[in-house]
Amino acid sequence: GTGGNPVAYELFTELAWRTEPVDHSAWFAAYAERRYGGPDPHAARAWELLRTGPYSMPSGTWSEAQDSLFTARPRLTATSAASWSPGAMRYDPDTVREA
């Protein structure tokens, strides 16, 4: 879900007015400019890392986020929260650190 995610809300809202597919790289670069009030190569690079990391989804895979014990029902033997969620991250967490 979007879960209070401003970049997702902005993109989803904009989709209603588009007739062409979104160039995600260009869209995220423009988002960085709008968000920070002008061009900033560091902000553009950070958002490109986020786009290719946590905001990317391998084609043909389930869209569910990785499982987290923070969302599990409280119990002493919890090892997962949902049987349908992947148990590992599907992107390199270093992309977030670098961003």
C-alpha atoms as a PDB file:
ATOM      1  CA  GLY A   1       0.000   0.000   0.000  1.00  0.00           C
ATOM      2  CA  THR A   2       0.919   3.620  -0.061  1.00  0.00           C
ATOM      3  CA  GLY A   3       1.021   3.905   3.740  1.00  0.00           C
ATOM      4  CA  GLY A   4       1.491   7.663   3.919  1.00  0.00           C
ATOM      5  CA  ASN A   5       3.950   7.685   1.025  1.00  0.00           C
ATOM      6  CA  PRO A   6       3.917  11.159  -0.617  1.00  0.00           C
ATOM      7  CA  VAL A   7       5.869  10.158  -3.729  1.00  0.00           C
ATOM      8  CA  ALA A   8       3.426   7.324  -4.445  1.00  0.00           C
ATOM      9  CA  TYR A   9       0.387   9.564  -3.921  1.00  0.00           C
ATOM     10  CA  GLU A  10       1.809  12.207  -6.248  1.00  0.00           C
ATOM     11  CA  LEU A  11       2.548   9.689  -9.004  1.00  0.00           C
ATOM     12  CA  PHE A  12      -0.826   7.934  -8.657  1.00  0.00           C
ATOM     13  CA  THR A  13      -2.674  11.260  -8.778  1.00  0.00           C
ATOM     14  CA  GLU A  14      -0.762  12.338 -11.859  1.00  0.00           C
ATOM     15  CA  LEU A  15      -1.586   9.099 -13.691  1.00  0.00           C
ATOM     16  CA  ALA A  16      -5.197  10.243 -14.133  1.00  0.00           C
ATOM     17  CA  TRP A  17      -4.009  13.003 -16.486  1.00  0.00           C
ATOM     18  CA  ARG A  18      -1.480  10.990 -18.493  1.00  0.00           C
ATOM     19  CA  THR A  19      -2.073   9.201 -21.761  1.00  0.00           C
ATOM     20  CA  GLU A  20       1.504   7.941 -22.217  1.00  0.00           C
ATOM     21  CA  PRO A  21       3.482   5.524 -20.047  1.00  0.00           C
ATOM     22  CA  VAL A  22       5.572   7.086 -17.294  1.00  0.00           C
ATOM     23  CA  ASP A  23       9.336   7.352 -17.773  1.00  0.00           C
ATOM     24  CA  HIS A  24      10.091   6.502 -14.157  1.00  0.00           C
ATOM     25  CA  SER A  25      13.660   7.794 -14.182  1.00  0.00           C
ATOM     26  CA  ALA A  26      12.604  11.195 -15.571  1.00  0.00           C
ATOM     27  CA  TRP A  27       9.555  11.348 -13.299  1.00  0.00           C
ATOM     28  CA  PHE A  28      11.583  10.742 -10.121  1.00  0.00           C
ATOM     29  CA  ALA A  29      14.173  13.343 -11.195  1.00  0.00           C
ATOM     30  CA  ALA A  30      11.394  15.896 -11.757  1.00  0.00           C
ATOM     31  CA  TYR A  31       9.829  14.910  -8.426  1.00  0.00           C
ATOM     32  CA  ALA A  32      13.119  15.683  -6.665  1.00  0.00           C
ATOM     33  CA  GLU A  33      13.158  19.149  -8.277  1.00  0.00           C
ATOM     34  CA  ARG A  34       9.563  19.849  -7.252  1.00  0.00           C
ATOM     35  CA  ARG A  35      10.072  18.524  -3.739  1.00  0.00           C
ATOM     36  CA  TYR A  36      13.240  20.509  -3.013  1.00  0.00           C
ATOM     37  CA  GLY A  37      12.442  23.669  -4.983  1.00  0.00           C
ATOM     38  CA  GLY A  38      14.975  23.336  -7.792  1.00  0.00           C
ATOM     39  CA  PRO A  39      17.575  21.119  -9.373  1.00  0.00           C
ATOM     40  CA  ASP A  40      19.953  19.418  -6.957  1.00  0.00           C
ATOM     41  CA  PRO A  41      22.187  16.629  -8.268  1.00  0.00           C
ATOM     42  CA  HIS A  42      22.446  15.045  -4.809  1.00  0.00           C
ATOM     43  CA  ALA A  43      18.671  14.910  -4.393  1.00  0.00           C
ATOM     44  CA  ALA A  44      18.243  13.568  -7.930  1.00  0.00           C
ATOM     45  CA  ARG A  45      20.816  10.837  -7.252  1.00  0.00           C
ATOM     46  CA  ALA A  46      19.167   9.937  -3.934  1.00  0.00           C
ATOM     47  CA  TRP A  47      15.751   9.577  -5.559  1.00  0.00           C
ATOM     48  CA  GLU A  48      17.236   7.539  -8.413  1.00  0.00           C
ATOM     49  CA  LEU A  49      18.693   5.152  -5.821  1.00  0.00           C
ATOM     50  CA  LEU A  50      15.314   4.902  -4.109  1.00  0.00           C
ATOM     51  CA  ARG A  51      13.581   4.368  -7.468  1.00  0.00           C
ATOM     52  CA  THR A  52      15.875   1.490  -8.380  1.00  0.00           C
ATOM     53  CA  GLY A  53      15.871   0.087  -4.841  1.00  0.00           C
ATOM     54  CA  PRO A  54      12.775   0.023  -2.652  1.00  0.00           C
ATOM     55  CA  TYR A  55      10.489   1.607  -5.268  1.00  0.00           C
ATOM     56  CA  SER A  56      11.345  -0.977  -7.917  1.00  0.00           C
ATOM     57  CA  MET A  57       9.580  -4.296  -8.285  1.00  0.00           C
ATOM     58  CA  PRO A  58      10.944  -7.123 -10.404  1.00  0.00           C
ATOM     59  CA  SER A  59       8.592  -7.834 -13.268  1.00  0.00           C
ATOM     60  CA  GLY A  60       6.342 -10.846 -12.825  1.00  0.00           C
ATOM     61  CA  THR A  61       6.749 -11.102  -9.060  1.00  0.00           C
ATOM     62  CA  TRP A  62       4.267 -10.798  -6.240  1.00  0.00           C
ATOM     63  CA  SER A  63       3.947  -7.171  -5.165  1.00  0.00           C
ATOM     64  CA  GLU A  64       3.770  -7.840  -1.431  1.00  0.00           C
ATOM     65  CA  ALA A  65       6.474  -6.231   0.699  1.00  0.00           C
ATOM     66  CA  GLN A  66       8.814  -8.415   2.703  1.00  0.00           C
ATOM     67  CA  ASP A  67       7.512  -9.900   5.905  1.00  0.00           C
ATOM     68  CA  SER A  68       8.203  -8.118   9.184  1.00  0.00           C
ATOM     69  CA  LEU A  69       7.868  -9.361  12.734  1.00  0.00           C
ATOM     70  CA  PHE A  70       6.646  -5.880  13.675  1.00  0.00           C
ATOM     71  CA  THR A  71       3.353  -6.755  11.984  1.00  0.00           C
ATOM     72  CA  ALA A  72       3.015 -10.240  13.487  1.00  0.00           C
ATOM     73  CA  ARG A  73       0.427 -11.063  16.106  1.00  0.00           C
ATOM     74  CA  PRO A  74       2.121 -10.843  19.494  1.00  0.00           C
ATOM     75  CA  ARG A  75       3.339 -14.272  20.586  1.00  0.00           C
ATOM     76  CA  LEU A  76       6.571 -15.708  21.913  1.00  0.00           C
ATOM     77  CA  THR A  77       7.012 -18.113  18.998  1.00  0.00           C
ATOM     78  CA  ALA A  78       6.448 -15.685  16.101  1.00  0.00           C
ATOM     79  CA  THR A  79       8.782 -16.249  13.157  1.00  0.00           C
ATOM     80  CA  SER A  80       6.753 -14.422  10.494  1.00  0.00           C
ATOM     81  CA  ALA A  81       3.689 -12.247  10.141  1.00  0.00           C
ATOM     82  CA  ALA A  82       2.197 -13.551   6.918  1.00  0.00           C
ATOM     83  CA  SER A  83       2.662 -16.774   5.013  1.00  0.00           C
ATOM     84  CA  TRP A  84       2.272 -15.021   1.642  1.00  0.00           C
ATOM     85  CA  SER A  85       4.944 -12.353   2.109  1.00  0.00           C
ATOM     86  CA  PRO A  86       8.535 -12.914   1.048  1.00  0.00           C
ATOM     87  CA  GLY A  87      10.894 -13.408   3.961  1.00  0.00           C
ATOM     88  CA  ALA A  88      13.715 -11.345   2.493  1.00  0.00           C
ATOM     89  CA  MET A  89      14.089  -7.892   1.006  1.00  0.00           C
ATOM     90  CA  ARG A  90      13.863  -7.730  -2.775  1.00  0.00           C
ATOM     91  CA  TYR A  91      16.306  -4.863  -3.080  1.00  0.00           C
ATOM     92  CA  ASP A  92      19.740  -4.046  -1.751  1.00  0.00           C
ATOM     93  CA  PRO A  93      19.315  -2.094   1.515  1.00  0.00           C
ATOM     94  CA  ASP A  94      22.567  -0.275   0.752  1.00  0.00           C
ATOM     95  CA  THR A  95      20.647   1.745  -1.853  1.00  0.00           C
ATOM     96  CA  VAL A  96      18.666   3.305   1.004  1.00  0.00           C
ATOM     97  CA  ARG A  97      21.791   3.938   3.061  1.00  0.00           C
ATOM     98  CA  GLU A  98      23.487   5.606   0.104  1.00  0.00           C
ATOM     99  CA  ALA A  99      20.423   7.700  -0.724  1.00  0.00           C
END
